[in-house]
Protein backbone atom coordinates (compact mmCIF):
# COMPACT_ATOMS: atom_id res chain seq x y z
CA MET A 1 5.58 183.86 244.36
CA ILE A 2 2.73 181.65 243.20
CA GLU A 3 5.14 178.74 242.63
CA ASN A 4 6.66 179.15 246.11
CA GLU A 5 3.17 179.20 247.65
CA ARG A 6 2.29 175.93 245.89
CA LYS A 7 5.45 174.29 247.15
CA ARG A 8 4.75 175.48 250.73
CA LYS A 9 1.22 174.06 250.66
CA ALA A 10 2.46 170.77 249.23
CA VAL A 11 5.01 170.44 252.05
CA GLU A 12 2.34 171.26 254.65
CA SER A 13 -0.04 168.67 253.16
CA LYS A 14 2.70 166.04 253.19
CA ASP A 15 3.59 166.79 256.81
CA ALA A 16 -0.07 166.62 257.82
CA ALA A 17 -0.49 163.26 256.08
CA LEU A 18 2.60 161.84 257.78
CA HIS A 19 1.41 163.10 261.17
CA TYR A 20 -2.02 161.53 260.60
CA ARG A 21 -0.40 158.22 259.66
CA ASP A 22 1.99 158.28 262.62
CA SER A 23 -0.84 158.96 265.02
CA PHE A 24 -2.16 155.46 264.31
CA THR A 25 1.17 153.64 264.58
CA SER A 26 1.12 153.95 268.36
CA LYS A 27 -0.87 151.56 270.50
CA ALA A 28 -4.61 151.81 269.97
CA ILE A 29 -7.49 149.99 271.61
CA ILE A 30 -10.75 149.01 269.99
CA LYS A 31 -13.72 149.35 272.27
CA GLY A 32 -14.74 145.97 273.60
CA ASN A 33 -11.30 144.44 272.84
CA GLU A 34 -9.02 146.19 275.34
CA ASN A 35 -6.29 143.53 275.12
CA ILE A 36 -5.76 143.95 271.36
CA LYS A 37 -2.80 146.10 270.35
CA ILE A 38 -2.88 147.81 266.99
CA LYS A 39 0.45 148.37 265.25
CA THR A 40 -0.52 150.13 262.04
CA ALA A 41 -3.32 152.24 260.63
CA ASP A 42 -4.08 149.55 258.01
CA GLU A 43 -4.60 146.95 260.73
CA LEU A 44 -6.96 149.32 262.57
CA VAL A 45 -9.02 149.92 259.42
CA ILE A 46 -9.19 146.17 258.65
CA ARG A 47 -10.30 145.27 262.15
CA LYS A 48 -12.92 148.02 262.21
CA TRP A 49 -14.19 146.77 258.84
CA ASN A 50 -14.39 143.21 260.11
CA LYS A 51 -16.27 144.42 263.16
CA ARG A 52 -18.79 146.34 261.08
CA GLU A 53 -19.71 143.54 258.65
CA SER A 54 -23.35 143.91 257.80
CA LEU A 55 -25.91 141.18 258.20
CA GLY A 56 -26.38 141.01 254.44
CA TYR A 57 -22.65 140.46 253.90
CA ARG A 58 -22.57 137.66 256.47
CA VAL A 59 -25.56 135.99 254.79
CA PHE A 60 -23.78 136.31 251.43
CA ARG A 61 -20.67 134.63 252.84
CA VAL A 62 -22.72 131.70 254.16
CA PHE A 63 -24.54 131.17 250.85
CA ASN A 64 -21.29 131.63 248.90
CA LEU A 65 -19.63 128.92 251.00
CA PHE A 66 -22.63 126.64 250.50
CA PHE A 67 -22.62 127.04 246.71
CA MET A 68 -18.85 126.53 246.50
CA ILE A 69 -19.20 123.26 248.42
CA LEU A 70 -22.07 122.24 246.14
CA ILE A 71 -20.07 122.98 242.98
CA SER A 72 -17.02 121.14 244.35
CA ALA A 73 -19.14 118.09 245.18
CA ALA A 74 -20.73 118.13 241.71
CA THR A 75 -17.24 118.30 240.16
CA LEU A 76 -15.76 115.52 242.27
CA TYR A 77 -18.70 113.10 242.09
CA PRO A 78 -18.15 111.83 238.51
CA PHE A 79 -14.50 111.05 239.17
CA LEU A 80 -15.21 109.39 242.52
CA TYR A 81 -17.93 107.35 240.82
CA LEU A 82 -15.49 106.17 238.14
CA VAL A 83 -12.93 105.16 240.75
CA ALA A 84 -15.56 103.29 242.77
CA GLN A 85 -16.89 101.54 239.67
CA SER A 86 -13.40 100.45 238.62
CA PHE A 87 -13.01 98.59 241.94
CA SER A 88 -16.56 97.18 242.12
CA SER A 89 -17.85 93.75 241.17
CA GLU A 90 -19.66 93.02 237.93
CA ALA A 91 -22.96 92.28 239.73
CA ALA A 92 -22.90 95.62 241.58
CA ILE A 93 -22.17 97.53 238.36
CA VAL A 94 -24.95 95.81 236.43
CA SER A 95 -27.45 96.39 239.24
CA GLY A 96 -26.52 100.09 239.39
CA SER A 97 -25.85 100.08 243.14
CA VAL A 98 -22.40 101.68 242.93
CA THR A 99 -22.20 105.30 244.17
CA ILE A 100 -18.90 106.80 245.39
CA PHE A 101 -17.82 103.73 247.33
CA PRO A 102 -16.84 100.38 245.76
CA ILE A 103 -19.26 97.48 246.27
CA GLY A 104 -17.89 93.95 246.06
CA PHE A 105 -14.27 95.13 245.95
CA ASN A 106 -12.60 93.66 242.87
CA ILE A 107 -9.30 94.35 241.09
CA THR A 108 -9.65 91.76 238.34
CA THR A 109 -9.76 94.36 235.59
CA TYR A 110 -6.66 96.17 236.87
CA ILE A 111 -4.77 92.87 237.00
CA SER A 112 -5.98 91.95 233.52
CA VAL A 113 -4.81 95.25 232.04
CA LEU A 114 -1.57 95.73 233.95
CA SER A 115 -0.41 92.13 233.63
CA LYS A 116 -0.12 92.39 229.86
CA GLY A 117 3.40 93.17 228.73
CA GLU A 118 2.14 95.47 226.02
CA PHE A 119 0.71 97.88 228.57
CA LEU A 120 4.12 98.92 229.92
CA LEU A 121 5.44 99.35 226.38
CA TYR A 122 2.56 101.63 225.42
CA TYR A 123 2.88 103.57 228.67
CA ARG A 124 6.55 104.16 227.90
CA ASN A 125 5.60 105.34 224.40
CA THR A 126 3.08 107.77 225.86
CA ILE A 127 5.61 109.21 228.32
CA PHE A 128 8.11 109.67 225.49
CA TYR A 129 5.57 111.35 223.20
CA THR A 130 4.38 113.63 226.00
CA LEU A 131 7.87 114.75 227.02
CA VAL A 132 9.17 115.31 223.48
CA GLY A 133 5.91 116.79 222.19
CA THR A 134 5.36 119.15 225.14
CA THR A 135 8.97 120.41 225.07
CA SER A 136 8.88 120.97 221.30
CA SER A 137 5.47 122.62 221.40
CA LEU A 138 6.46 125.00 224.19
CA PHE A 139 9.67 126.02 222.44
CA LEU A 140 8.10 126.61 219.03
CA SER A 141 4.97 128.29 220.43
CA ALA A 142 7.11 130.71 222.46
CA LEU A 143 9.31 131.45 219.43
CA LEU A 144 6.17 132.31 217.45
CA ALA A 145 4.33 134.20 220.19
CA TYR A 146 7.23 136.46 221.23
CA PRO A 147 7.73 138.29 217.89
CA LEU A 148 3.94 138.49 217.46
CA SER A 149 3.82 140.46 220.73
CA LYS A 150 6.03 143.22 219.29
CA SER A 151 3.77 145.83 217.71
CA HIS A 152 6.72 147.70 216.18
CA LEU A 153 7.49 144.80 213.85
CA LYS A 154 5.78 145.72 210.58
CA ALA A 155 5.57 142.13 209.36
CA ASN A 156 3.14 141.32 212.19
CA LYS A 157 0.38 143.09 210.29
CA PHE A 158 0.63 140.38 207.64
CA ILE A 159 1.73 137.35 209.71
CA ALA A 160 -0.78 137.67 212.59
CA PRO A 161 -3.89 137.29 210.36
CA PHE A 162 -2.45 134.11 208.82
CA VAL A 163 -1.78 132.68 212.28
CA ILE A 164 -5.32 133.46 213.45
CA PHE A 165 -6.75 132.06 210.20
CA THR A 166 -5.40 128.61 211.03
CA MET A 167 -7.41 128.59 214.28
CA TYR A 168 -10.69 128.62 212.33
CA PHE A 169 -9.83 126.83 209.11
CA GLY A 170 -7.76 123.70 208.48
CA GLY A 171 -6.81 121.61 205.48
CA GLY A 172 -9.03 118.69 206.46
CA MET A 173 -8.23 115.12 207.43
CA ILE A 174 -7.40 113.74 203.99
CA PRO A 175 -4.99 116.52 202.88
CA THR A 176 -3.32 116.38 206.31
CA PHE A 177 -2.95 112.61 206.02
CA VAL A 178 -1.44 112.90 202.53
CA LEU A 179 0.96 115.59 203.73
CA ILE A 180 2.16 113.63 206.78
CA ALA A 181 2.20 110.13 205.30
CA ARG A 182 3.29 110.89 201.74
CA GLY A 183 4.67 114.41 201.58
CA LEU A 184 6.82 114.14 204.72
CA ASN A 185 7.22 110.35 204.41
CA LEU A 186 6.29 109.77 208.08
CA TRP A 187 3.99 106.79 207.58
CA HIS A 188 4.52 104.35 210.51
CA LYS A 189 7.08 106.68 212.12
CA TRP A 190 6.68 108.16 215.60
CA PRO A 191 7.20 111.85 214.59
CA ALA A 192 3.85 111.58 212.78
CA PHE A 193 2.20 111.43 216.22
CA ILE A 194 3.71 114.75 217.33
CA ILE A 195 4.00 116.98 214.26
CA PRO A 196 0.26 117.46 213.50
CA ALA A 197 -0.29 118.77 217.06
CA LEU A 198 2.98 120.65 217.39
CA ILE A 199 1.54 124.18 217.63
CA SER A 200 -1.89 125.29 218.88
CA THR A 201 -2.91 128.73 217.65
CA TYR A 202 -5.03 129.36 220.75
CA TYR A 203 -2.10 128.65 223.06
CA VAL A 204 0.14 130.88 220.94
CA LEU A 205 -2.31 133.76 221.37
CA LEU A 206 -2.35 133.20 225.14
CA MET A 207 1.43 133.35 225.25
CA ARG A 208 1.41 136.44 223.04
CA ALA A 209 -0.94 138.19 225.48
CA PHE A 210 1.41 137.37 228.35
CA PHE A 211 4.49 138.63 226.48
CA ILE A 212 2.69 141.89 225.68
CA GLY A 213 2.21 142.51 229.40
CA SER A 214 5.81 141.69 230.35
CA PRO A 215 8.06 144.62 231.42
CA HIS A 216 9.75 145.98 228.31
CA GLU A 217 12.20 147.99 230.40
CA LEU A 218 14.03 144.79 231.36
CA GLU A 219 14.37 143.82 227.72
CA GLU A 220 15.80 147.25 226.89
CA ALA A 221 18.23 146.94 229.81
CA GLY A 222 19.37 143.58 228.48
CA GLU A 223 19.95 145.05 225.04
CA LEU A 224 21.99 147.88 226.58
CA ASP A 225 24.11 145.25 228.34
CA GLY A 226 24.93 143.70 224.98
CA LEU A 227 22.43 140.84 224.77
CA SER A 228 21.18 139.80 221.37
CA GLN A 229 17.48 139.27 220.65
CA PHE A 230 17.85 135.57 221.39
CA GLY A 231 19.78 136.41 224.55
CA VAL A 232 16.99 138.70 225.74
CA PHE A 233 14.42 136.03 224.93
CA PHE A 234 16.18 133.13 226.67
CA ARG A 235 17.77 134.98 229.61
CA ILE A 236 15.12 137.58 230.45
CA VAL A 237 11.75 136.87 228.86
CA LEU A 238 11.46 133.13 229.46
CA PRO A 239 12.56 133.24 233.15
CA LEU A 240 9.87 135.88 233.74
CA SER A 241 7.24 133.78 231.95
CA LYS A 242 6.95 130.88 234.40
CA PRO A 243 3.17 131.28 234.91
CA ILE A 244 2.25 131.06 231.24
CA MET A 245 4.88 128.40 230.51
CA ALA A 246 3.57 126.21 233.33
CA THR A 247 0.00 126.66 232.09
CA MET A 248 0.93 125.78 228.53
CA THR A 249 2.97 122.81 229.79
CA LEU A 250 -0.13 121.39 231.44
CA PHE A 251 -2.32 122.04 228.39
CA TYR A 252 0.11 120.52 225.91
CA ALA A 253 0.93 117.56 228.17
CA VAL A 254 -2.75 116.68 228.61
CA SER A 255 -3.28 117.01 224.86
CA TYR A 256 -0.44 114.62 224.00
CA TRP A 257 -1.28 112.23 226.84
CA ASN A 258 -4.89 111.77 225.72
CA ASN A 259 -4.23 111.78 221.98
CA TRP A 260 -5.12 108.53 220.23
CA TRP A 261 -6.36 109.78 216.86
CA ASN A 262 -2.91 110.39 215.37
CA ALA A 263 -1.85 106.91 216.47
CA PHE A 264 -4.90 105.48 214.70
CA LEU A 265 -3.97 107.28 211.48
CA TYR A 266 -0.20 107.02 211.31
CA LEU A 267 1.39 104.53 213.72
CA GLU A 268 1.86 100.80 213.72
CA LYS A 269 1.06 98.71 216.78
CA LYS A 270 4.48 98.75 218.45
CA ASP A 271 4.41 102.59 218.53
CA TRP A 272 0.91 102.99 219.95
CA PRO A 273 0.34 105.27 222.96
CA VAL A 274 -1.51 103.85 225.95
CA ALA A 275 -4.64 105.88 225.13
CA TYR A 276 -5.14 104.06 221.84
CA TYR A 277 -4.30 100.71 223.43
CA LEU A 278 -6.95 101.17 226.13
CA ARG A 279 -9.42 102.24 223.48
CA THR A 280 -8.88 99.00 221.59
CA ILE A 281 -9.44 97.04 224.83
CA ILE A 282 -12.71 98.91 225.42
CA SER A 283 -13.82 98.29 221.83
CA TYR A 284 -12.99 94.58 222.10
CA ALA A 285 -14.83 94.22 225.42
CA ALA A 286 -17.89 95.98 224.02
CA THR A 287 -18.05 93.95 220.78
CA SER A 288 -17.06 90.49 222.04
CA ASN A 289 -20.29 88.48 221.76
CA ASP A 290 -18.90 84.96 221.36
CA PRO A 291 -21.03 82.71 223.66
CA GLY A 292 -18.24 80.16 223.92
CA ASP A 293 -15.76 82.80 225.04
CA VAL A 294 -17.55 83.96 228.19
CA SER A 295 -16.04 83.56 231.65
CA ALA A 296 -16.47 85.28 234.99
CA GLU A 297 -13.21 87.15 234.51
CA LYS A 298 -14.11 88.42 231.04
CA MET A 299 -17.57 89.47 232.21
CA GLN A 300 -15.93 91.41 235.05
CA VAL A 301 -13.47 93.06 232.66
CA ALA A 302 -16.25 94.00 230.25
CA ALA A 303 -18.28 95.53 233.08
CA ASN A 304 -15.73 98.06 234.33
CA ILE A 305 -13.06 98.29 231.64
CA LYS A 306 -14.14 101.84 230.72
CA SER A 307 -13.84 103.20 234.24
CA THR A 308 -10.55 101.36 234.78
CA ALA A 309 -9.11 102.80 231.56
CA MET A 310 -10.20 106.31 232.52
CA VAL A 311 -8.60 106.03 235.95
CA LEU A 312 -5.33 104.73 234.50
CA MET A 313 -5.27 107.54 231.94
CA ALA A 314 -6.16 110.36 234.34
CA LEU A 315 -3.99 109.34 237.30
CA PRO A 316 -0.61 110.64 236.01
CA ILE A 317 -2.08 114.01 235.04
CA ILE A 318 -3.80 114.32 238.42
CA CYS A 319 -0.49 113.61 240.14
CA ALA A 320 1.31 116.21 238.00
CA TYR A 321 -1.29 118.96 238.44
CA PRO A 322 -0.32 120.01 242.01
CA LEU A 323 3.24 120.66 240.80
CA VAL A 324 2.09 123.42 238.44
CA GLN A 325 -1.11 124.53 240.18
CA ARG A 326 0.30 127.82 241.48
CA TYR A 327 1.55 128.89 238.06
CA TYR A 328 -1.52 127.45 236.35
CA VAL A 329 -3.88 129.70 238.33
CA GLN A 330 -1.75 132.76 237.52
CA GLY A 331 -1.65 131.87 233.83
CA MET A 332 -5.41 131.33 233.63
CA MET A 333 -5.97 134.87 235.00
CA LEU A 334 -4.49 136.35 231.82
CA GLY A 335 -6.70 139.10 230.52
CA GLY A 336 -8.65 139.32 233.76
CA VAL A 337 -7.26 142.81 234.49
CA LYS A 338 -7.43 145.53 231.87
CA GLU A 339 -5.39 148.70 231.98
């Protein structure tokens, strides 16, 4: 009897809730807005909430908008200043009159840098290193992060601490150089540029956190359908991991694109990336003090070579960012919600 009474009350409560919901699905009119037709209860609640915004909330929205504009301007100003300086004349740069608009428009430095045949060679090297390095890093990082995300694997208790240890402690520059140049015999070979930066422990931990939150039911369904562990990983896990993969793609690509230190240590001149080439140009322009080797063109190049190099280095990444922005934002929100 008690069980039947509970069921009857549950049915009555459900019917009452449905009736209450349906009473709002008909046409409703908000006072003062007679021409507005409300279709659902949610829409009615939202519109009433918008109507009842307090004065304090409206003041908060105004100040929030103001501070967001201020922060955006502070973020954009340095880059706009660099772009303006790269197109400004030497006299305007020396006098400090350049702001966010070029003064004495001049492209001498761009012509000087881009006209050299070596520049295109080094740019091609950088594109090659970035594509190969980013692809390899993503693949190996995912292969490491996925098993680390499985708590039922007993070996993780021993492997995970070793992985985290490498994030805080390294072998040092000299042992690493001996290992790469002598142990692996990669002196003056292009793989020496990629291998030292092949896996980032921090990025592996980010991917591991994402894999932990992925739906395990889909993996179990794949196993029931006869997929192997590699089949589950490549056909189920990776397609569902677009946000974190896009985020890591951007991180690794920027890392390889801006890397010049490994080129300085291991590569010969024909294999340099463009970052190290531009650095040598900046160093030469800053240290060239020969009085007999001064001309208007070289003075102009020396004045804005740094800003020109920064613009040339940042431009490809800026162009690529919008392609992965949607996934990048989702990936950066990892850990923002706790269950």
